[in-house]
Amino acid sequence: MRRRRFLALAGAAGSTALAGCTIEAASESERGQGPTIRLEPVVDGVTFPTGLAFLPNGDHLVADRFGVVMRHTDDGLIERPFLDLRDQIDLDPEGEKGLIGMTVHPEFADNHRFYIRYSAPRREWMDERRSHTAVLSEFEATADLTGVVPDSERIVLEIPEPGAQHNAGDLAFGPDGYLYASLGDGQRSDLDEKATGEDTFWWYEQGTAAQNTENNLLGGILRIDPDDPSGDREYGIPSDNPLVGEPGREEYYAWGLRNPFRISFDGEDLYVGDVGEHTRESVYLV
């Protein structure tokens, strides 16, 4: 059984397992002298950076949670937004909603395609008790890489979100060429309850909590193929995803996560940064 299949158990068992372990701190002499790290500012003038992508021409794209993607060149940050979604996003300045994930296609040099994860208002087809919509969209950059082709947005996936918290939405292409997307469990808070008048935990009774992998796409890592739309979906499902042919949504690659706000690859290894509660954070190797 692959490591990712144990992920649903790992989060629940972690506190128990660690309680039975003894961890001793290494002395200064035992630690040795590793490489030194220096922090150096590269980009200034961004309000709340949530993503960074590197373009073939050496420029950087910087995503800002407040709804814009900016372009950074050797001359500094370009004042005009590369992409402006401020009229489309559902923003909660004190919460987690906004523009929260970005990555470029592995063949960006040829197809100029990149992907954005952002929060949008609740769609008409959704239960009115839902907080908002998690959107994964594809865009096409212009040939000169100074902006986005008008009307090029292709909505790849829309997911109903129960609440305004735990809205993780990082994106990364793996070495297999597939797109990986992280989703938090969409926790509702007291603010959601006051806004809707609904009990904070109503969605558990609906069978749509993140623990139910058959009815939603929350609380995990999705793995899809945006280059191969299939049927009524704007993406394909890799045949070796763990729930293909099994009960549960076939988009899932891993599940049982709380708020996996950041994901990244090191070679073939996928690391997931899962946000904890006040005092605990987790990093998983999936």
Protein backbone atom coordinates (compact mmCIF):
# COMPACT_ATOMS: atom_id res chain seq x y z
CA MET A 1 0.00 0.00 0.00
CA ARG A 2 1.36 3.40 -0.95
CA ARG A 3 2.22 6.05 1.62
CA ARG A 4 -0.57 8.38 0.54
CA ARG A 5 -3.17 5.76 1.49
CA PHE A 6 -2.15 6.08 5.12
CA LEU A 7 -2.48 9.86 5.15
CA ALA A 8 -6.06 9.84 6.40
CA LEU A 9 -4.92 7.92 9.46
CA ALA A 10 -1.70 9.82 9.99
CA GLY A 11 -3.33 13.09 10.99
CA ALA A 12 -5.57 11.42 13.57
CA ALA A 13 -2.88 9.13 14.93
CA GLY A 14 -0.08 11.69 15.00
CA SER A 15 -0.72 13.05 18.49
CA THR A 16 -1.07 9.59 19.97
CA ALA A 17 2.01 8.21 18.27
CA LEU A 18 4.19 11.14 19.25
CA ALA A 19 3.09 10.89 22.85
CA GLY A 20 4.90 7.57 23.13
CA CYS A 21 8.16 8.81 21.62
CA THR A 22 11.17 10.30 23.34
CA ILE A 23 12.88 13.05 21.37
CA GLU A 24 16.20 14.39 22.60
CA ALA A 25 17.68 17.65 21.38
CA ALA A 26 21.11 17.35 19.81
CA SER A 27 23.97 19.30 21.33
CA GLU A 28 25.72 22.05 19.38
CA SER A 29 28.63 19.71 18.62
CA GLU A 30 26.30 16.96 17.42
CA ARG A 31 24.42 19.26 15.07
CA GLY A 32 27.47 20.06 13.01
CA GLN A 33 27.87 23.06 10.77
CA GLY A 34 25.36 23.06 7.95
CA PRO A 35 24.89 25.62 5.20
CA THR A 36 24.03 29.15 6.26
CA ILE A 37 20.85 30.83 5.06
CA ARG A 38 20.45 34.51 4.30
CA LEU A 39 17.16 36.24 3.57
CA GLU A 40 17.27 38.89 0.89
CA PRO A 41 14.22 40.92 -0.24
CA VAL A 42 13.48 40.44 -3.93
CA VAL A 43 10.04 41.97 -4.47
CA ASP A 44 8.56 44.97 -2.64
CA GLY A 45 5.13 46.55 -2.93
CA VAL A 46 2.91 43.47 -2.65
CA THR A 47 0.20 43.55 0.02
CA PHE A 48 -0.29 39.85 0.81
CA PRO A 49 1.79 37.55 -1.45
CA THR A 50 0.36 34.05 -1.77
CA GLY A 51 2.18 32.64 -4.79
CA LEU A 52 5.32 33.00 -6.88
CA ALA A 53 5.98 31.67 -10.37
CA PHE A 54 9.02 31.95 -12.63
CA LEU A 55 8.62 32.74 -16.33
CA PRO A 56 10.98 31.60 -19.11
CA ASN A 57 12.14 35.17 -19.75
CA GLY A 58 13.35 35.58 -16.16
CA ASP A 59 10.35 37.57 -14.91
CA HIS A 60 8.38 36.55 -11.82
CA LEU A 61 4.64 36.43 -11.31
CA VAL A 62 3.54 37.30 -7.78
CA ALA A 63 0.00 36.46 -6.64
CA ASP A 64 -1.62 38.73 -4.06
CA ARG A 65 -4.50 37.47 -1.92
CA PHE A 66 -6.38 40.71 -2.54
CA GLY A 67 -7.03 39.69 -6.14
CA VAL A 68 -4.15 40.60 -8.45
CA VAL A 69 -1.16 38.91 -10.04
CA MET A 70 1.79 41.27 -10.49
CA ARG A 71 4.80 40.93 -12.81
CA HIS A 72 8.27 41.52 -11.46
CA THR A 73 11.19 42.21 -13.81
CA ASP A 74 14.83 43.16 -13.35
CA ASP A 75 13.60 46.76 -13.15
CA GLY A 76 11.20 46.03 -10.29
CA LEU A 77 7.48 45.48 -9.86
CA ILE A 78 5.36 46.54 -12.85
CA GLU A 79 2.60 48.84 -11.58
CA ARG A 80 -0.12 47.54 -13.90
CA PRO A 81 -1.48 44.14 -12.76
CA PHE A 82 -0.62 41.18 -14.95
CA LEU A 83 -4.03 39.74 -13.99
CA ASP A 84 -6.78 41.54 -12.09
CA LEU A 85 -9.51 39.42 -10.46
CA ARG A 86 -10.68 41.95 -7.89
CA ASP A 87 -14.15 42.08 -9.46
CA GLN A 88 -14.49 38.29 -9.32
CA ILE A 89 -13.17 37.23 -5.95
CA ASP A 90 -15.00 36.90 -2.66
CA LEU A 91 -12.56 38.50 -0.25
CA ASP A 92 -12.55 38.32 3.52
CA PRO A 93 -9.75 40.63 4.73
CA GLU A 94 -9.71 38.98 8.17
CA GLY A 95 -10.11 35.40 6.94
CA GLU A 96 -8.56 33.19 4.30
CA LYS A 97 -10.62 33.89 1.20
CA GLY A 98 -9.11 35.58 -1.84
CA LEU A 99 -6.54 34.71 -4.50
CA ILE A 100 -4.63 31.95 -2.75
CA GLY A 101 -2.83 29.73 -5.26
CA MET A 102 -0.93 29.94 -8.56
CA THR A 103 1.28 27.80 -10.78
CA VAL A 104 2.38 27.78 -14.42
CA HIS A 105 1.96 24.91 -16.87
CA PRO A 106 5.09 22.76 -17.39
CA GLU A 107 4.95 23.75 -21.07
CA PHE A 108 4.32 27.43 -20.36
CA ALA A 109 7.07 28.48 -22.78
CA ASP A 110 4.94 27.05 -25.61
CA ASN A 111 1.33 27.35 -24.46
CA HIS A 112 1.52 30.36 -22.06
CA ARG A 113 -1.02 28.72 -19.73
CA PHE A 114 -1.10 29.21 -15.97
CA TYR A 115 -3.52 28.34 -13.19
CA ILE A 116 -5.11 30.29 -10.35
CA ARG A 117 -7.06 29.21 -7.26
CA TYR A 118 -9.37 31.89 -5.92
CA SER A 119 -12.50 32.36 -3.81
CA ALA A 120 -15.65 33.47 -5.62
CA PRO A 121 -19.20 34.20 -4.46
CA ARG A 122 -21.54 31.24 -4.00
CA ARG A 123 -22.97 30.04 -7.33
CA GLU A 124 -26.72 29.92 -7.92
CA TRP A 125 -26.73 26.12 -8.15
CA MET A 126 -25.24 25.73 -4.66
CA ASP A 127 -27.03 25.29 -1.34
CA GLU A 128 -27.67 28.78 0.02
CA ARG A 129 -25.97 27.80 3.26
CA ARG A 130 -22.65 27.45 1.48
CA SER A 131 -20.18 30.23 2.20
CA HIS A 132 -18.58 30.67 -1.22
CA THR A 133 -17.01 28.87 -4.17
CA ALA A 134 -13.47 27.55 -4.49
CA VAL A 135 -12.49 28.14 -8.13
CA LEU A 136 -9.61 26.62 -10.08
CA SER A 137 -9.14 28.41 -13.41
CA GLU A 138 -6.77 28.34 -16.34
CA PHE A 139 -5.58 31.55 -18.04
CA GLU A 140 -3.44 32.25 -21.10
CA ALA A 141 -0.70 34.87 -21.03
CA THR A 142 -0.10 37.13 -24.02
CA ALA A 143 2.75 36.32 -26.41
CA ASP A 144 4.93 39.09 -24.95
CA LEU A 145 4.20 37.88 -21.39
CA THR A 146 3.01 41.29 -20.24
CA GLY A 147 -0.57 40.34 -19.41
CA VAL A 148 -3.41 37.92 -20.00
CA VAL A 149 -5.32 37.22 -23.21
CA PRO A 150 -8.80 38.77 -22.76
CA ASP A 151 -11.57 36.26 -21.99
CA SER A 152 -9.07 33.41 -21.81
CA GLU A 153 -10.24 32.16 -18.42
CA ARG A 154 -11.34 28.53 -18.48
CA ILE A 155 -12.92 27.38 -15.22
CA VAL A 156 -11.52 23.93 -14.59
CA LEU A 157 -13.23 23.19 -11.28
CA GLU A 158 -15.71 24.79 -8.88
CA ILE A 159 -16.16 23.46 -5.35
CA PRO A 160 -18.80 24.56 -2.81
CA GLU A 161 -17.18 25.73 0.44
CA PRO A 162 -19.03 25.31 3.77
CA GLY A 163 -17.24 28.13 5.59
CA ALA A 164 -14.79 31.00 5.38
CA GLN A 165 -11.98 29.22 7.22
CA HIS A 166 -9.60 26.41 6.23
CA ASN A 167 -9.71 27.46 2.58
CA ALA A 168 -6.29 26.19 1.50
CA GLY A 169 -5.75 26.29 -2.24
CA ASP A 170 -2.16 25.81 -3.37
CA LEU A 171 -1.31 24.46 -6.83
CA ALA A 172 1.67 22.57 -8.23
CA PHE A 173 2.46 20.44 -11.25
CA GLY A 174 4.14 17.18 -10.39
CA PRO A 175 6.95 15.44 -12.28
CA ASP A 176 4.22 13.30 -13.85
CA GLY A 177 2.77 16.38 -15.58
CA TYR A 178 -0.47 16.32 -13.58
CA LEU A 179 -1.88 19.24 -11.62
CA TYR A 180 -2.05 18.87 -7.83
CA ALA A 181 -4.44 21.12 -5.89
CA SER A 182 -4.80 21.35 -2.12
CA LEU A 183 -8.16 21.96 -0.43
CA GLY A 184 -8.84 22.66 3.24
CA ASP A 185 -11.78 21.15 5.09
CA GLY A 186 -13.78 24.40 4.76
CA GLN A 187 -14.46 24.84 8.46
CA ARG A 188 -17.35 27.06 9.42
CA SER A 189 -16.83 29.50 12.25
CA ASP A 190 -19.05 31.43 14.63
CA LEU A 191 -19.03 34.25 12.07
CA ASP A 192 -20.59 31.92 9.48
CA GLU A 193 -23.25 30.89 11.98
CA LYS A 194 -24.14 34.50 12.74
CA ALA A 195 -24.28 35.37 9.02
CA THR A 196 -26.54 32.47 8.01
CA GLY A 197 -28.41 31.60 11.19
CA GLU A 198 -27.45 27.96 10.63
CA ASP A 199 -25.75 25.77 13.18
CA THR A 200 -22.00 25.69 12.60
CA PHE A 201 -22.00 21.91 12.06
CA TRP A 202 -25.01 21.54 9.75
CA TRP A 203 -22.88 20.19 6.91
CA TYR A 204 -21.88 17.11 8.93
CA GLU A 205 -25.52 16.05 8.90
CA GLN A 206 -25.64 16.62 5.14
CA GLY A 207 -22.84 14.11 4.56
CA THR A 208 -20.72 16.81 2.99
CA ALA A 209 -18.00 17.16 5.62
CA ALA A 210 -14.40 16.79 4.50
CA GLN A 211 -14.28 13.33 6.07
CA ASN A 212 -16.77 12.10 3.47
CA THR A 213 -14.68 11.49 0.36
CA GLU A 214 -17.71 10.35 -1.66
CA ASN A 215 -19.64 13.62 -1.57
CA ASN A 216 -17.08 16.41 -1.75
CA LEU A 217 -13.51 17.38 -2.62
CA LEU A 218 -12.49 19.00 0.66
CA GLY A 219 -9.69 18.29 3.10
CA GLY A 220 -7.16 16.76 0.74
CA ILE A 221 -4.96 16.89 -2.34
CA LEU A 222 -6.54 16.54 -5.78
CA ARG A 223 -4.66 15.23 -8.81
CA ILE A 224 -6.12 16.01 -12.22
CA ASP A 225 -5.12 16.41 -15.86
CA PRO A 226 -6.19 19.85 -17.15
CA ASP A 227 -4.92 18.95 -20.63
CA ASP A 228 -7.47 16.16 -21.08
CA PRO A 229 -11.07 17.30 -20.49
CA SER A 230 -13.39 14.31 -20.22
CA GLY A 231 -17.17 14.19 -20.53
CA ASP A 232 -18.78 17.04 -18.62
CA ARG A 233 -15.54 17.78 -16.75
CA GLU A 234 -12.90 20.31 -17.77
CA TYR A 235 -10.15 17.89 -16.74
CA GLY A 236 -9.20 14.23 -16.88
CA ILE A 237 -8.62 11.74 -14.07
CA PRO A 238 -5.25 9.94 -13.98
CA SER A 239 -5.95 6.22 -14.11
CA ASP A 240 -3.68 5.50 -11.12
CA ASN A 241 -5.39 7.89 -8.68
CA PRO A 242 -6.04 5.86 -5.50
CA LEU A 243 -9.86 6.02 -5.58
CA VAL A 244 -10.33 5.15 -9.25
CA GLY A 245 -12.70 2.19 -9.21
CA GLU A 246 -13.18 2.56 -5.44
CA PRO A 247 -15.82 4.35 -3.32
CA GLY A 248 -14.99 8.05 -3.23
CA ARG A 249 -14.25 10.90 -5.61
CA GLU A 250 -11.67 9.90 -8.19
CA GLU A 251 -10.00 13.32 -8.11
CA TYR A 252 -8.49 12.58 -4.70
CA TYR A 253 -4.79 11.82 -4.41
CA ALA A 254 -4.65 12.19 -0.61
CA TRP A 255 -7.21 13.01 2.06
CA GLY A 256 -7.61 13.50 5.80
CA LEU A 257 -6.01 16.97 5.87
CA ARG A 258 -7.10 20.01 7.83
CA ASN A 259 -5.85 23.04 5.93
CA PRO A 260 -2.99 22.15 3.55
CA PHE A 261 -2.09 25.71 2.64
CA ARG A 262 1.17 24.92 0.84
CA ILE A 263 2.36 22.03 -1.30
CA SER A 264 5.65 21.60 -3.15
CA PHE A 265 7.65 18.95 -4.96
CA ASP A 266 11.24 17.96 -4.34
CA GLY A 267 11.95 15.60 -7.20
CA GLU A 268 9.17 13.02 -7.00
CA ASP A 269 8.42 13.73 -3.32
CA LEU A 270 5.34 15.80 -2.50
CA TYR A 271 5.51 17.83 0.71
CA VAL A 272 2.35 19.25 2.26
CA GLY A 273 2.30 22.06 4.83
CA ASP A 274 -0.88 21.59 6.89
CA VAL A 275 -1.90 24.53 9.08
CA GLY A 276 -2.58 23.66 12.72
CA GLU A 277 -4.44 25.39 15.53
CA HIS A 278 -2.43 28.11 17.30
CA THR A 279 0.46 25.94 18.53
CA ARG A 280 0.87 23.02 16.11
CA GLU A 281 1.76 22.81 12.42
CA SER A 282 2.36 19.70 10.32
CA VAL A 283 4.43 18.86 7.26
CA TYR A 284 3.57 15.61 5.50
CA LEU A 285 5.50 13.63 2.93
CA VAL A 286 2.77 12.19 0.71
